[in-house]
Protein backbone atom coordinates (compact mmCIF):
# COMPACT_ATOMS: atom_id res chain seq x y z
CA MET A 1 -4.57 5.57 11.40
CA THR A 2 -6.32 3.91 8.49
CA PHE A 3 -7.71 5.83 5.54
CA SER A 4 -11.26 4.72 4.70
CA PRO A 5 -12.53 5.60 1.24
CA GLU A 6 -16.15 6.35 0.45
CA THR A 7 -17.90 3.70 -1.62
CA ASP A 8 -19.45 6.18 -4.08
CA ALA A 9 -16.20 7.84 -5.12
CA ASP A 10 -15.62 8.28 -8.83
CA PRO A 11 -12.32 7.41 -10.55
CA GLU A 12 -11.06 11.01 -10.48
CA GLU A 13 -11.69 11.24 -6.72
CA ILE A 14 -9.91 7.94 -6.14
CA ASP A 15 -6.93 9.08 -8.24
CA GLU A 16 -6.70 12.29 -6.20
CA ARG A 17 -6.90 10.32 -2.94
CA VAL A 18 -4.15 7.96 -4.10
CA GLU A 19 -1.90 10.92 -4.97
CA THR A 20 -2.62 12.64 -1.65
CA VAL A 21 -2.03 9.55 0.50
CA ILE A 22 1.21 8.76 -1.32
CA ALA A 23 2.43 12.36 -0.95
CA ASP A 24 1.41 12.72 2.71
CA ASN A 25 2.91 9.49 4.11
CA ASP A 26 6.43 8.10 4.31
CA VAL A 27 5.17 4.53 3.92
CA VAL A 28 1.75 3.61 2.56
CA LEU A 29 0.30 0.21 1.79
CA PHE A 30 -2.72 -0.09 -0.49
CA MET A 31 -4.27 -3.38 0.53
CA LYS A 32 -7.39 -5.50 0.68
CA GLY A 33 -8.77 -4.98 4.17
CA ASN A 34 -6.97 -3.12 6.91
CA ARG A 35 -4.00 -3.64 9.18
CA LEU A 36 -6.08 -5.42 11.83
CA MET A 37 -8.13 -7.50 9.38
CA PRO A 38 -6.35 -8.12 6.08
CA GLN A 39 -8.73 -9.65 3.56
CA CYS A 40 -6.18 -11.61 1.53
CA GLY A 41 -2.99 -13.50 2.26
CA TYR A 42 -0.82 -11.16 0.19
CA SER A 43 -2.07 -8.12 2.08
CA LYS A 44 -1.52 -9.90 5.40
CA ARG A 45 2.04 -10.78 4.40
CA ALA A 46 2.77 -7.19 3.33
CA VAL A 47 1.49 -5.83 6.67
CA GLU A 48 3.66 -8.33 8.56
CA LEU A 49 6.78 -7.53 6.54
CA ILE A 50 6.41 -3.76 6.84
CA GLY A 51 5.45 -4.03 10.51
CA GLN A 52 8.73 -5.82 11.30
CA HIS A 53 10.64 -2.67 10.41
CA VAL A 54 8.40 0.37 10.93
CA GLU A 55 5.70 1.05 13.48
CA GLU A 56 3.92 3.89 11.74
CA PHE A 57 2.66 3.39 8.22
CA GLU A 58 -0.55 4.24 6.44
CA THR A 59 -2.88 1.58 5.07
CA VAL A 60 -5.66 2.10 2.54
CA ASP A 61 -8.42 -0.46 2.15
CA VAL A 62 -9.09 -0.66 -1.59
CA LEU A 63 -12.02 -3.09 -1.36
CA PRO A 64 -14.85 -0.50 -1.17
CA ALA A 65 -13.84 0.81 -4.62
CA LEU A 66 -11.58 -1.94 -5.98
CA PRO A 67 -11.91 -1.27 -9.73
CA GLN A 68 -11.27 2.46 -9.27
CA TYR A 69 -8.30 1.88 -6.95
CA ARG A 70 -6.85 -0.78 -9.25
CA GLU A 71 -6.97 1.68 -12.17
CA ALA A 72 -5.58 4.62 -10.17
CA LEU A 73 -2.76 2.57 -8.69
CA GLU A 74 -1.80 1.06 -12.04
CA SER A 75 -1.41 4.57 -13.47
CA HIS A 76 0.95 5.46 -10.57
CA SER A 77 2.96 2.27 -10.44
CA GLY A 78 2.52 0.37 -13.67
CA TRP A 79 1.54 -2.55 -11.44
CA GLU A 80 -2.00 -3.94 -11.53
CA THR A 81 -2.01 -6.26 -8.53
CA ILE A 82 -2.72 -5.39 -4.92
CA PRO A 83 -1.18 -4.93 -2.36
CA GLN A 84 1.10 -2.08 -3.40
CA THR A 85 3.67 -0.34 -1.21
CA PHE A 86 4.96 3.19 -1.70
CA VAL A 87 7.86 4.68 0.27
CA ASP A 88 8.62 8.41 0.12
CA GLY A 89 6.34 8.70 -2.90
CA GLU A 90 8.04 5.91 -4.84
CA PHE A 91 6.50 2.55 -5.73
CA VAL A 92 8.36 -0.35 -4.10
CA GLY A 93 6.20 -3.34 -5.01
CA GLY A 94 3.79 -5.92 -3.70
CA SER A 95 4.20 -8.54 -1.02
CA ASP A 96 6.47 -10.65 -3.22
CA VAL A 97 8.93 -7.79 -3.71
CA LEU A 98 8.79 -6.96 0.01
CA ALA A 99 9.57 -10.61 0.82
CA GLU A 100 12.53 -10.62 -1.59
CA LEU A 101 13.90 -7.41 -0.07
CA ASP A 102 13.47 -8.88 3.41
CA GLU A 103 15.28 -12.09 2.45
CA ARG A 104 18.22 -10.03 1.15
CA GLY A 105 18.24 -7.91 4.33
CA GLU A 106 17.33 -4.78 2.37
CA LEU A 107 13.75 -4.16 3.46
CA ALA A 108 14.49 -2.05 6.54
CA ALA A 109 16.62 0.34 4.50
CA GLU A 110 14.03 0.46 1.70
CA LEU A 111 11.36 1.41 4.24
CA GLY A 112 13.58 4.09 5.78
CA ALA A 113 13.72 2.29 9.13
CA ASP A 114 16.36 3.43 11.61
């Protein structure tokens, strides 16, 4: 399932959506595009890395309201770039951090994979 934001959402609505999606999902990836059609190489790499270890994870396409999502996510993570991955409500990082965890053999555990 992919969460699709409305294009006319204001910053407060986006912030509430970010909080809700993070709270309601074990693994969530805020990305440009969606799982089937990533719109940047970093988002594509993040989907591939997460998908190697868990089947079910939520994705949120930030492109319809990019400035609002960028601001909301930065307030949650302290990180301004996208994609951003959250696991069990905690910020993990972007595709570069996921790749580093994968190289060290730690990504599956970080994602809570069995």
